[in-house]
């Protein structure tokens, strides 16, 4: 992608009187970190980037920041919000539109065709982070890492994020402005993480998830980063009545994680943010991708691809086949 074109387009957008700010990516302060940027003027647009390190889904901020009502005495700012989206991010925006979580007229969507993101954790294992910010670019055969004055070629298959290996929509499914040419969809890898768990018998699967959920510290990072977990009154926070206790033990941890997974059934757009931010490295993506695949296979439904679709939960029909239900 032409970086100058990106910044020029962003500057034109934020200069509009009907635009409040633009959500994009900026370089972080060290290592492989990339930060979300709220650009409110043309000068800020000069700091925007789009690189293989821009893995974060900015759609989360559309519901985190843009909440009504405003404090007493203030008037709501009715101007539009511009947001840069990759393919998976655009699916989150589309699903929010389907659920009426956001209004299409309030958005300017800037599409960024995505050749695939690196997994920063895999990158750091082989090339440890330094205090100086690193630069990663796309190359003909993978990625190019510029760090400490040296350039290193990185094989795509070795460092590509799992979510990108499995991505069916590398190009944004909805946009007002498209930056760059669409990328060619690649051959999908086998979802070995889900297959591994499916290959276990019931007791072994239970033992696997007991081991994983026992690591959960209930920090709520997975919920807070998820673009589809935007309920102001979350059932997992309720104390009267209490649905899930705050205790950190295997029983409550399991209830918390299973409840989240099923609340996302038919809604999860497989952006991988929950797994990326988990400090305990719980493979939450396996659980969510399993349910997403069941919804695709059993009901022929895929969230976040059609802004005119009904929510999956609203598609229930009394005559739906039930042969697969135990």
C-alpha atoms as a PDB file:
ATOM      1  CA  UNK A   1       0.000   0.000   0.000  1.00  0.00           C
ATOM      2  CA  UNK A   2       1.163   3.525  -0.808  1.00  0.00           C
ATOM      3  CA  UNK A   3       1.756   5.128   2.603  1.00  0.00           C
ATOM      4  CA  UNK A   4       1.667   8.648   1.212  1.00  0.00           C
ATOM      5  CA  UNK A   5      -1.693   7.946  -0.431  1.00  0.00           C
ATOM      6  CA  UNK A   6      -3.014   6.635   2.886  1.00  0.00           C
ATOM      7  CA  UNK A   7      -1.947   9.765   4.752  1.00  0.00           C
ATOM      8  CA  UNK A   8      -3.192  12.059   2.008  1.00  0.00           C
ATOM      9  CA  UNK A   9      -6.593  10.366   2.039  1.00  0.00           C
ATOM     10  CA  UNK A  10      -6.746  10.504   5.840  1.00  0.00           C
ATOM     11  CA  UNK A  11      -5.890  14.209   5.830  1.00  0.00           C
ATOM     12  CA  UNK A  12      -8.684  14.876   3.339  1.00  0.00           C
ATOM     13  CA  UNK A  13     -11.168  12.954   5.459  1.00  0.00           C
ATOM     14  CA  UNK A  14     -10.357  14.614   8.804  1.00  0.00           C
ATOM     15  CA  UNK A  15     -10.425  18.026   7.129  1.00  0.00           C
ATOM     16  CA  UNK A  16     -14.123  17.574   6.435  1.00  0.00           C
ATOM     17  CA  UNK A  17     -16.450  19.560   8.676  1.00  0.00           C
ATOM     18  CA  UNK A  18     -18.735  16.565   9.165  1.00  0.00           C
ATOM     19  CA  UNK A  19     -15.927  14.330  10.530  1.00  0.00           C
ATOM     20  CA  UNK A  20     -15.131  14.165  14.245  1.00  0.00           C
ATOM     21  CA  UNK A  21     -11.963  12.090  14.026  1.00  0.00           C
ATOM     22  CA  UNK A  22     -10.373   9.175  12.211  1.00  0.00           C
ATOM     23  CA  UNK A  23      -9.383   5.875  13.799  1.00  0.00           C
ATOM     24  CA  UNK A  24      -6.177   4.429  12.388  1.00  0.00           C
ATOM     25  CA  UNK A  25      -2.876   2.842  13.361  1.00  0.00           C
ATOM     26  CA  UNK A  26       0.281   4.599  14.521  1.00  0.00           C
ATOM     27  CA  UNK A  27       3.746   3.320  15.369  1.00  0.00           C
ATOM     28  CA  UNK A  28       4.173   2.354  18.998  1.00  0.00           C
ATOM     29  CA  UNK A  29       6.922   3.486  21.314  1.00  0.00           C
ATOM     30  CA  UNK A  30       9.047   0.340  21.221  1.00  0.00           C
ATOM     31  CA  UNK A  31       9.563  -3.033  19.583  1.00  0.00           C
ATOM     32  CA  UNK A  32       6.739  -4.457  17.510  1.00  0.00           C
ATOM     33  CA  UNK A  33       4.070  -2.347  19.149  1.00  0.00           C
ATOM     34  CA  UNK A  34       1.488  -0.491  17.071  1.00  0.00           C
ATOM     35  CA  UNK A  35      -0.976   1.852  18.748  1.00  0.00           C
ATOM     36  CA  UNK A  36      -4.508   2.885  17.807  1.00  0.00           C
ATOM     37  CA  UNK A  37      -4.561   6.522  16.773  1.00  0.00           C
ATOM     38  CA  UNK A  38      -7.399   9.058  17.079  1.00  0.00           C
ATOM     39  CA  UNK A  39      -6.614  11.591  14.361  1.00  0.00           C
ATOM     40  CA  UNK A  40      -8.427  14.909  14.681  1.00  0.00           C
ATOM     41  CA  UNK A  41      -6.448  17.102  12.269  1.00  0.00           C
ATOM     42  CA  UNK A  42      -4.381  16.902   9.117  1.00  0.00           C
ATOM     43  CA  UNK A  43      -1.110  16.978  11.075  1.00  0.00           C
ATOM     44  CA  UNK A  44      -2.083  13.795  12.893  1.00  0.00           C
ATOM     45  CA  UNK A  45      -2.738  12.064   9.582  1.00  0.00           C
ATOM     46  CA  UNK A  46       0.997  12.219   8.837  1.00  0.00           C
ATOM     47  CA  UNK A  47       1.627   9.729  11.661  1.00  0.00           C
ATOM     48  CA  UNK A  48      -0.648   6.974  10.330  1.00  0.00           C
ATOM     49  CA  UNK A  49       0.754   3.663   9.121  1.00  0.00           C
ATOM     50  CA  UNK A  50      -0.479   0.387   7.698  1.00  0.00           C
ATOM     51  CA  UNK A  51       1.899  -2.531   8.066  1.00  0.00           C
ATOM     52  CA  UNK A  52       1.971  -6.248   8.953  1.00  0.00           C
ATOM     53  CA  UNK A  53       2.036  -5.186  12.615  1.00  0.00           C
ATOM     54  CA  UNK A  54      -1.414  -3.506  12.458  1.00  0.00           C
ATOM     55  CA  UNK A  55      -3.203  -6.567  13.767  1.00  0.00           C
ATOM     56  CA  UNK A  56      -5.502  -4.761  16.257  1.00  0.00           C
ATOM     57  CA  UNK A  57      -9.183  -4.486  15.306  1.00  0.00           C
ATOM     58  CA  UNK A  58     -10.130  -0.805  15.536  1.00  0.00           C
ATOM     59  CA  UNK A  59     -13.856  -1.532  15.265  1.00  0.00           C
ATOM     60  CA  UNK A  60     -13.826  -2.095  19.038  1.00  0.00           C
ATOM     61  CA  UNK A  61     -13.530   1.651  19.623  1.00  0.00           C
ATOM     62  CA  UNK A  62     -16.720   2.423  17.723  1.00  0.00           C
ATOM     63  CA  UNK A  63     -18.767   1.222  20.682  1.00  0.00           C
ATOM     64  CA  UNK A  64     -16.249   1.862  23.470  1.00  0.00           C
ATOM     65  CA  UNK A  65     -15.880   5.568  22.739  1.00  0.00           C
ATOM     66  CA  UNK A  66     -19.079   6.513  20.946  1.00  0.00           C
ATOM     67  CA  UNK A  67     -21.543   5.988  23.791  1.00  0.00           C
ATOM     68  CA  UNK A  68     -24.638   7.961  24.632  1.00  0.00           C
ATOM     69  CA  UNK A  69     -25.951   9.689  26.656  1.00  0.00           C
ATOM     70  CA  UNK A  70     -23.347  12.427  27.060  1.00  0.00           C
ATOM     71  CA  UNK A  71     -22.702  14.097  30.441  1.00  0.00           C
ATOM     72  CA  UNK A  72     -25.326  16.555  31.645  1.00  0.00           C
ATOM     73  CA  UNK A  73     -24.967  19.967  30.067  1.00  0.00           C
ATOM     74  CA  UNK A  74     -23.197  18.680  26.965  1.00  0.00           C
ATOM     75  CA  UNK A  75     -24.642  18.208  23.516  1.00  0.00           C
ATOM     76  CA  UNK A  76     -23.839  15.034  21.534  1.00  0.00           C
ATOM     77  CA  UNK A  77     -21.376  15.483  18.700  1.00  0.00           C
ATOM     78  CA  UNK A  78     -23.269  14.292  15.639  1.00  0.00           C
ATOM     79  CA  UNK A  79     -20.300  14.315  13.272  1.00  0.00           C
ATOM     80  CA  UNK A  80     -19.095  11.144  11.580  1.00  0.00           C
ATOM     81  CA  UNK A  81     -16.279   8.858  12.709  1.00  0.00           C
ATOM     82  CA  UNK A  82     -13.867   7.573  10.070  1.00  0.00           C
ATOM     83  CA  UNK A  83     -12.272   4.173  10.669  1.00  0.00           C
ATOM     84  CA  UNK A  84      -9.591   2.191   8.859  1.00  0.00           C
ATOM     85  CA  UNK A  85     -10.449  -1.490   8.490  1.00  0.00           C
ATOM     86  CA  UNK A  86      -8.837  -4.684   7.278  1.00  0.00           C
ATOM     87  CA  UNK A  87     -11.007  -7.535   6.027  1.00  0.00           C
ATOM     88  CA  UNK A  88     -11.737  -9.003   9.460  1.00  0.00           C
ATOM     89  CA  UNK A  89     -12.246  -5.537  10.950  1.00  0.00           C
ATOM     90  CA  UNK A  90     -14.789  -4.713   8.249  1.00  0.00           C
ATOM     91  CA  UNK A  91     -16.737  -7.845   9.190  1.00  0.00           C
ATOM     92  CA  UNK A  92     -16.933  -6.541  12.766  1.00  0.00           C
ATOM     93  CA  UNK A  93     -18.252  -3.197  11.497  1.00  0.00           C
ATOM     94  CA  UNK A  94     -20.767  -5.008   9.290  1.00  0.00           C
ATOM     95  CA  UNK A  95     -21.992  -7.156  12.175  1.00  0.00           C
ATOM     96  CA  UNK A  96     -22.376  -4.075  14.371  1.00  0.00           C
ATOM     97  CA  UNK A  97     -24.492  -2.541  11.609  1.00  0.00           C
ATOM     98  CA  UNK A  98     -26.621  -5.701  11.421  1.00  0.00           C
ATOM     99  CA  UNK A  99     -27.204  -5.601  15.168  1.00  0.00           C
ATOM    100  CA  UNK A 100     -27.942  -1.860  15.122  1.00  0.00           C
ATOM    101  CA  UNK A 101     -25.014  -1.326  17.478  1.00  0.00           C
ATOM    102  CA  UNK A 102     -23.858   1.518  15.224  1.00  0.00           C
ATOM    103  CA  UNK A 103     -25.473   3.574  12.456  1.00  0.00           C
ATOM    104  CA  UNK A 104     -24.095   3.469   8.914  1.00  0.00           C
ATOM    105  CA  UNK A 105     -24.695   7.183   8.461  1.00  0.00           C
ATOM    106  CA  UNK A 106     -22.325   7.876  11.359  1.00  0.00           C
ATOM    107  CA  UNK A 107     -19.347   6.194   9.687  1.00  0.00           C
ATOM    108  CA  UNK A 108     -16.807   6.688   6.953  1.00  0.00           C
ATOM    109  CA  UNK A 109     -15.163   3.316   6.339  1.00  0.00           C
ATOM    110  CA  UNK A 110     -11.664   3.322   4.840  1.00  0.00           C
ATOM    111  CA  UNK A 111     -10.848  -0.130   3.496  1.00  0.00           C
ATOM    112  CA  UNK A 112      -7.304  -1.521   3.629  1.00  0.00           C
ATOM    113  CA  UNK A 113      -6.816  -4.721   1.607  1.00  0.00           C
ATOM    114  CA  UNK A 114      -4.731  -6.986   3.842  1.00  0.00           C
ATOM    115  CA  UNK A 115      -1.936  -9.266   2.585  1.00  0.00           C
ATOM    116  CA  UNK A 116      -1.753 -10.803   6.081  1.00  0.00           C
ATOM    117  CA  UNK A 117      -0.465  -9.802   9.504  1.00  0.00           C
ATOM    118  CA  UNK A 118       2.542 -11.161  11.347  1.00  0.00           C
ATOM    119  CA  UNK A 119       2.161 -12.785  14.752  1.00  0.00           C
ATOM    120  CA  UNK A 120       4.182 -10.466  17.045  1.00  0.00           C
ATOM    121  CA  UNK A 121       4.638 -13.247  19.600  1.00  0.00           C
ATOM    122  CA  UNK A 122       6.195 -15.571  17.011  1.00  0.00           C
ATOM    123  CA  UNK A 123       8.331 -12.713  15.746  1.00  0.00           C
ATOM    124  CA  UNK A 124       9.577 -11.873  19.245  1.00  0.00           C
ATOM    125  CA  UNK A 125      10.587 -15.489  19.891  1.00  0.00           C
ATOM    126  CA  UNK A 126      13.135 -15.440  17.080  1.00  0.00           C
ATOM    127  CA  UNK A 127      13.902 -11.723  16.926  1.00  0.00           C
ATOM    128  CA  UNK A 128      13.540 -10.289  20.455  1.00  0.00           C
ATOM    129  CA  UNK A 129      12.023  -6.845  20.774  1.00  0.00           C
ATOM    130  CA  UNK A 130      14.269  -3.872  21.432  1.00  0.00           C
ATOM    131  CA  UNK A 131      13.564  -0.454  22.888  1.00  0.00           C
ATOM    132  CA  UNK A 132      13.656   1.077  19.435  1.00  0.00           C
ATOM    133  CA  UNK A 133      10.506   0.646  17.336  1.00  0.00           C
ATOM    134  CA  UNK A 134      10.912  -1.942  14.576  1.00  0.00           C
ATOM    135  CA  UNK A 135       9.504  -1.639  11.069  1.00  0.00           C
ATOM    136  CA  UNK A 136       7.907  -4.595   9.290  1.00  0.00           C
ATOM    137  CA  UNK A 137       6.846  -4.391   5.646  1.00  0.00           C
ATOM    138  CA  UNK A 138       5.320  -6.770   3.150  1.00  0.00           C
ATOM    139  CA  UNK A 139       7.727  -8.252   0.633  1.00  0.00           C
ATOM    140  CA  UNK A 140       7.295 -10.417  -2.429  1.00  0.00           C
ATOM    141  CA  UNK A 141       7.773 -13.657  -0.491  1.00  0.00           C
ATOM    142  CA  UNK A 142       6.698 -12.653   2.981  1.00  0.00           C
ATOM    143  CA  UNK A 143       7.792  -9.860   5.267  1.00  0.00           C
ATOM    144  CA  UNK A 144      10.814  -7.590   5.694  1.00  0.00           C
ATOM    145  CA  UNK A 145      11.943  -6.732   9.227  1.00  0.00           C
ATOM    146  CA  UNK A 146      13.993  -3.560   9.753  1.00  0.00           C
ATOM    147  CA  UNK A 147      15.462  -3.495  13.256  1.00  0.00           C
ATOM    148  CA  UNK A 148      18.634  -1.989  14.729  1.00  0.00           C
ATOM    149  CA  UNK A 149      19.847  -0.889  11.320  1.00  0.00           C
ATOM    150  CA  UNK A 150      19.514  -4.366   9.811  1.00  0.00           C
ATOM    151  CA  UNK A 151      16.997  -5.805   7.363  1.00  0.00           C
ATOM    152  CA  UNK A 152      15.868  -9.421   7.588  1.00  0.00           C
ATOM    153  CA  UNK A 153      13.619 -11.336   5.212  1.00  0.00           C
ATOM    154  CA  UNK A 154      10.895 -13.316   6.989  1.00  0.00           C
ATOM    155  CA  UNK A 155       9.133 -16.307   5.461  1.00  0.00           C
ATOM    156  CA  UNK A 156       5.399 -15.718   5.257  1.00  0.00           C
ATOM    157  CA  UNK A 157       4.451 -19.244   6.342  1.00  0.00           C
ATOM    158  CA  UNK A 158       6.643 -19.007   9.425  1.00  0.00           C
ATOM    159  CA  UNK A 159       5.378 -15.709  10.851  1.00  0.00           C
ATOM    160  CA  UNK A 160       1.859 -15.269   9.481  1.00  0.00           C
ATOM    161  CA  UNK A 161      -0.752 -14.944  12.246  1.00  0.00           C
ATOM    162  CA  UNK A 162      -3.087 -17.929  12.630  1.00  0.00           C
ATOM    163  CA  UNK A 163      -6.151 -15.771  12.028  1.00  0.00           C
ATOM    164  CA  UNK A 164      -4.666 -14.712   8.687  1.00  0.00           C
ATOM    165  CA  UNK A 165      -3.830 -18.294   7.711  1.00  0.00           C
ATOM    166  CA  UNK A 166      -7.547 -19.046   8.069  1.00  0.00           C
ATOM    167  CA  UNK A 167      -8.910 -15.740   6.730  1.00  0.00           C
ATOM    168  CA  UNK A 168     -11.590 -15.979   4.033  1.00  0.00           C
ATOM    169  CA  UNK A 169     -12.012 -12.215   3.622  1.00  0.00           C
ATOM    170  CA  UNK A 170      -8.644 -10.444   3.279  1.00  0.00           C
ATOM    171  CA  UNK A 171     -10.378  -7.564   1.481  1.00  0.00           C
ATOM    172  CA  UNK A 172     -12.880  -5.330   3.314  1.00  0.00           C
ATOM    173  CA  UNK A 173     -16.470  -6.428   2.734  1.00  0.00           C
ATOM    174  CA  UNK A 174     -17.760  -2.870   3.115  1.00  0.00           C
ATOM    175  CA  UNK A 175     -16.047   0.489   2.557  1.00  0.00           C
ATOM    176  CA  UNK A 176     -16.559   4.070   1.416  1.00  0.00           C
ATOM    177  CA  UNK A 177     -12.940   4.552   0.369  1.00  0.00           C
ATOM    178  CA  UNK A 178     -10.633   1.718  -0.695  1.00  0.00           C
ATOM    179  CA  UNK A 179      -6.892   2.208  -0.329  1.00  0.00           C
ATOM    180  CA  UNK A 180      -4.935   0.136  -2.815  1.00  0.00           C
ATOM    181  CA  UNK A 181      -5.910  -2.767  -5.007  1.00  0.00           C
ATOM    182  CA  UNK A 182      -7.709  -5.840  -3.637  1.00  0.00           C
ATOM    183  CA  UNK A 183      -5.365  -8.648  -2.658  1.00  0.00           C
ATOM    184  CA  UNK A 184      -5.781 -12.121  -4.054  1.00  0.00           C
ATOM    185  CA  UNK A 185      -7.288 -14.538  -1.560  1.00  0.00           C
ATOM    186  CA  UNK A 186      -4.851 -17.270  -0.562  1.00  0.00           C
ATOM    187  CA  UNK A 187      -5.368 -20.975  -0.021  1.00  0.00           C
ATOM    188  CA  UNK A 188      -6.642 -21.512   3.492  1.00  0.00           C
ATOM    189  CA  UNK A 189      -4.574 -23.530   5.923  1.00  0.00           C
ATOM    190  CA  UNK A 190      -6.092 -26.394   7.902  1.00  0.00           C
ATOM    191  CA  UNK A 191      -7.388 -25.249  11.277  1.00  0.00           C
ATOM    192  CA  UNK A 192      -5.116 -27.588  13.206  1.00  0.00           C
ATOM    193  CA  UNK A 193      -5.997 -25.989  16.534  1.00  0.00           C
ATOM    194  CA  UNK A 194      -9.670 -26.932  16.218  1.00  0.00           C
ATOM    195  CA  UNK A 195      -8.881 -30.300  14.617  1.00  0.00           C
ATOM    196  CA  UNK A 196      -6.592 -31.207  17.510  1.00  0.00           C
ATOM    197  CA  UNK A 197      -9.342 -30.665  20.072  1.00  0.00           C
ATOM    198  CA  UNK A 198     -11.966 -32.373  17.921  1.00  0.00           C
ATOM    199  CA  UNK A 199      -9.741 -35.453  17.736  1.00  0.00           C
ATOM    200  CA  UNK A 200      -9.932 -35.989  21.483  1.00  0.00           C
ATOM    201  CA  UNK A 201     -12.684 -37.959  23.174  1.00  0.00           C
ATOM    202  CA  UNK A 202     -15.101 -36.187  25.519  1.00  0.00           C
ATOM    203  CA  UNK A 203     -13.031 -36.741  28.671  1.00  0.00           C
ATOM    204  CA  UNK A 204      -9.837 -35.617  26.975  1.00  0.00           C
ATOM    205  CA  UNK A 205     -11.521 -32.491  25.635  1.00  0.00           C
ATOM    206  CA  UNK A 206     -12.803 -31.686  29.103  1.00  0.00           C
ATOM    207  CA  UNK A 207      -9.336 -32.165  30.583  1.00  0.00           C
ATOM    208  CA  UNK A 208      -7.879 -29.911  27.887  1.00  0.00           C
ATOM    209  CA  UNK A 209     -10.248 -27.044  28.631  1.00  0.00           C
ATOM    210  CA  UNK A 210      -9.950 -27.526  32.400  1.00  0.00           C
ATOM    211  CA  UNK A 211      -6.190 -27.051  31.995  1.00  0.00           C
ATOM    212  CA  UNK A 212      -6.717 -23.946  29.844  1.00  0.00           C
ATOM    213  CA  UNK A 213      -9.463 -22.290  31.876  1.00  0.00           C
ATOM    214  CA  UNK A 214      -7.574 -22.920  35.132  1.00  0.00           C
ATOM    215  CA  UNK A 215      -5.028 -20.374  33.838  1.00  0.00           C
ATOM    216  CA  UNK A 216      -7.673 -17.661  33.451  1.00  0.00           C
ATOM    217  CA  UNK A 217      -7.127 -14.715  35.827  1.00  0.00           C
ATOM    218  CA  UNK A 218     -10.516 -13.156  34.924  1.00  0.00           C
ATOM    219  CA  UNK A 219      -8.923  -9.932  33.727  1.00  0.00           C
ATOM    220  CA  UNK A 220     -11.760  -9.514  31.190  1.00  0.00           C
ATOM    221  CA  UNK A 221      -9.285  -8.509  28.473  1.00  0.00           C
ATOM    222  CA  UNK A 222     -10.924 -10.922  26.016  1.00  0.00           C
ATOM    223  CA  UNK A 223     -14.329  -9.362  26.576  1.00  0.00           C
ATOM    224  CA  UNK A 224     -13.098  -5.778  26.606  1.00  0.00           C
ATOM    225  CA  UNK A 225     -11.182  -6.087  23.322  1.00  0.00           C
ATOM    226  CA  UNK A 226     -13.945  -7.938  21.473  1.00  0.00           C
ATOM    227  CA  UNK A 227     -15.772  -5.656  19.011  1.00  0.00           C
ATOM    228  CA  UNK A 228     -18.964  -7.720  19.475  1.00  0.00           C
ATOM    229  CA  UNK A 229     -18.954  -7.590  23.296  1.00  0.00           C
ATOM    230  CA  UNK A 230     -20.456  -4.137  23.613  1.00  0.00           C
ATOM    231  CA  UNK A 231     -23.466  -4.602  25.925  1.00  0.00           C
ATOM    232  CA  UNK A 232     -23.540  -1.817  28.519  1.00  0.00           C
ATOM    233  CA  UNK A 233     -25.178  -4.225  30.977  1.00  0.00           C
ATOM    234  CA  UNK A 234     -23.149  -7.434  30.697  1.00  0.00           C
ATOM    235  CA  UNK A 235     -24.687 -10.479  32.349  1.00  0.00           C
ATOM    236  CA  UNK A 236     -21.186 -11.527  33.427  1.00  0.00           C
ATOM    237  CA  UNK A 237     -20.951  -8.385  35.590  1.00  0.00           C
ATOM    238  CA  UNK A 238     -24.308  -8.689  37.331  1.00  0.00           C
ATOM    239  CA  UNK A 239     -24.273  -9.157  41.080  1.00  0.00           C
ATOM    240  CA  UNK A 240     -28.025  -9.147  41.745  1.00  0.00           C
ATOM    241  CA  UNK A 241     -28.756 -11.756  40.649  1.00  0.00           C
ATOM    242  CA  UNK A 242     -25.260 -13.155  40.236  1.00  0.00           C
ATOM    243  CA  UNK A 243     -24.917 -15.335  37.163  1.00  0.00           C
ATOM    244  CA  UNK A 244     -21.149 -15.861  37.341  1.00  0.00           C
ATOM    245  CA  UNK A 245     -19.254 -15.292  40.577  1.00  0.00           C
ATOM    246  CA  UNK A 246     -16.120 -13.156  40.624  1.00  0.00           C
ATOM    247  CA  UNK A 247     -14.151 -16.005  42.188  1.00  0.00           C
ATOM    248  CA  UNK A 248     -11.147 -17.147  40.179  1.00  0.00           C
ATOM    249  CA  UNK A 249     -11.579 -20.908  40.173  1.00  0.00           C
ATOM    250  CA  UNK A 250     -12.128 -23.553  37.518  1.00  0.00           C
ATOM    251  CA  UNK A 251     -15.914 -23.605  37.964  1.00  0.00           C
ATOM    252  CA  UNK A 252     -16.451 -19.852  37.578  1.00  0.00           C
ATOM    253  CA  UNK A 253     -13.717 -19.520  34.942  1.00  0.00           C
ATOM    254  CA  UNK A 254     -15.381 -22.214  32.846  1.00  0.00           C
ATOM    255  CA  UNK A 255     -18.791 -20.576  33.187  1.00  0.00           C
ATOM    256  CA  UNK A 256     -17.339 -17.212  32.156  1.00  0.00           C
ATOM    257  CA  UNK A 257     -15.500 -18.481  29.082  1.00  0.00           C
ATOM    258  CA  UNK A 258     -18.277 -20.802  27.877  1.00  0.00           C
ATOM    259  CA  UNK A 259     -20.874 -18.052  28.311  1.00  0.00           C
ATOM    260  CA  UNK A 260     -18.775 -15.652  26.236  1.00  0.00           C
ATOM    261  CA  UNK A 261     -18.259 -18.253  23.518  1.00  0.00           C
ATOM    262  CA  UNK A 262     -21.959 -18.989  23.167  1.00  0.00           C
ATOM    263  CA  UNK A 263     -22.913 -15.313  23.287  1.00  0.00           C
ATOM    264  CA  UNK A 264     -20.656 -14.947  20.229  1.00  0.00           C
ATOM    265  CA  UNK A 265     -22.063 -17.934  18.334  1.00  0.00           C
ATOM    266  CA  UNK A 266     -23.206 -16.651  14.960  1.00  0.00           C
ATOM    267  CA  UNK A 267     -21.600 -13.275  15.766  1.00  0.00           C
ATOM    268  CA  UNK A 268     -17.849 -13.892  16.082  1.00  0.00           C
ATOM    269  CA  UNK A 269     -16.006 -12.624  12.996  1.00  0.00           C
ATOM    270  CA  UNK A 270     -12.800 -14.520  13.921  1.00  0.00           C
ATOM    271  CA  UNK A 271     -10.518 -11.490  14.228  1.00  0.00           C
ATOM    272  CA  UNK A 272      -8.485 -13.235  16.943  1.00  0.00           C
ATOM    273  CA  UNK A 273      -8.335 -10.243  19.264  1.00  0.00           C
ATOM    274  CA  UNK A 274      -9.426 -12.244  22.332  1.00  0.00           C
ATOM    275  CA  UNK A 275      -6.534 -14.660  21.956  1.00  0.00           C
ATOM    276  CA  UNK A 276      -4.050 -11.908  21.098  1.00  0.00           C
ATOM    277  CA  UNK A 277      -4.611  -9.978  24.324  1.00  0.00           C
ATOM    278  CA  UNK A 278      -5.001 -12.923  26.723  1.00  0.00           C
ATOM    279  CA  UNK A 279      -2.149 -12.678  29.274  1.00  0.00           C
ATOM    280  CA  UNK A 280      -2.522 -16.380  30.108  1.00  0.00           C
ATOM    281  CA  UNK A 281      -2.233 -17.476  26.445  1.00  0.00           C
ATOM    282  CA  UNK A 282      -5.516 -19.395  26.526  1.00  0.00           C
ATOM    283  CA  UNK A 283      -6.364 -20.577  22.968  1.00  0.00           C
ATOM    284  CA  UNK A 284      -9.746 -18.851  22.922  1.00  0.00           C
ATOM    285  CA  UNK A 285      -9.686 -18.700  19.134  1.00  0.00           C
ATOM    286  CA  UNK A 286     -10.115 -22.474  18.942  1.00  0.00           C
ATOM    287  CA  UNK A 287     -13.345 -22.311  20.906  1.00  0.00           C
ATOM    288  CA  UNK A 288     -14.771 -19.401  18.923  1.00  0.00           C
ATOM    289  CA  UNK A 289     -13.718 -20.808  15.545  1.00  0.00           C
ATOM    290  CA  UNK A 290     -15.290 -24.160  16.387  1.00  0.00           C
ATOM    291  CA  UNK A 291     -18.651 -22.507  17.068  1.00  0.00           C
ATOM    292  CA  UNK A 292     -18.295 -20.301  13.984  1.00  0.00           C
ATOM    293  CA  UNK A 293     -17.681 -23.392  11.843  1.00  0.00           C
ATOM    294  CA  UNK A 294     -20.694 -25.180  13.327  1.00  0.00           C
ATOM    295  CA  UNK A 295     -22.893 -22.193  12.489  1.00  0.00           C
ATOM    296  CA  UNK A 296     -21.547 -22.136   8.910  1.00  0.00           C
ATOM    297  CA  UNK A 297     -21.894 -25.873   8.385  1.00  0.00           C
ATOM    298  CA  UNK A 298     -25.211 -26.472  10.144  1.00  0.00           C
ATOM    299  CA  UNK A 299     -27.052 -23.261   9.274  1.00  0.00           C
ATOM    300  CA  UNK A 300     -25.190 -21.836   6.278  1.00  0.00           C
ATOM    301  CA  UNK A 301     -24.737 -18.553   8.132  1.00  0.00           C
ATOM    302  CA  UNK A 302     -21.656 -16.369   8.313  1.00  0.00           C
ATOM    303  CA  UNK A 303     -21.707 -13.136  10.325  1.00  0.00           C
ATOM    304  CA  UNK A 304     -20.296  -9.830   9.176  1.00  0.00           C
ATOM    305  CA  UNK A 305     -20.497 -10.279   5.415  1.00  0.00           C
ATOM    306  CA  UNK A 306     -23.883  -8.738   4.573  1.00  0.00           C
ATOM    307  CA  UNK A 307     -25.023  -5.480   6.205  1.00  0.00           C
ATOM    308  CA  UNK A 308     -28.602  -6.244   5.162  1.00  0.00           C
ATOM    309  CA  UNK A 309     -28.689  -9.671   6.840  1.00  0.00           C
ATOM    310  CA  UNK A 310     -30.686 -10.531   9.930  1.00  0.00           C
ATOM    311  CA  UNK A 311     -28.796 -11.436  13.102  1.00  0.00           C
ATOM    312  CA  UNK A 312     -28.240 -15.179  13.368  1.00  0.00           C
ATOM    313  CA  UNK A 313     -30.388 -15.450  16.491  1.00  0.00           C
ATOM    314  CA  UNK A 314     -33.283 -13.846  14.595  1.00  0.00           C
ATOM    315  CA  UNK A 315     -33.146 -16.485  11.860  1.00  0.00           C
ATOM    316  CA  UNK A 316     -34.733 -19.258  13.932  1.00  0.00           C
ATOM    317  CA  UNK A 317     -37.480 -21.207  12.169  1.00  0.00           C
ATOM    318  CA  UNK A 318     -39.712 -23.782  13.893  1.00  0.00           C
ATOM    319  CA  UNK A 319     -39.148 -26.203  11.012  1.00  0.00           C
ATOM    320  CA  UNK A 320     -35.344 -26.057  11.142  1.00  0.00           C
ATOM    321  CA  UNK A 321     -33.871 -29.573  10.876  1.00  0.00           C
ATOM    322  CA  UNK A 322     -32.847 -31.018  14.229  1.00  0.00           C
ATOM    323  CA  UNK A 323     -31.237 -34.283  13.148  1.00  0.00           C
ATOM    324  CA  UNK A 324     -27.823 -33.188  14.433  1.00  0.00           C
ATOM    325  CA  UNK A 325     -29.043 -32.309  17.942  1.00  0.00           C
ATOM    326  CA  UNK A 326     -28.162 -34.968  20.493  1.00  0.00           C
END
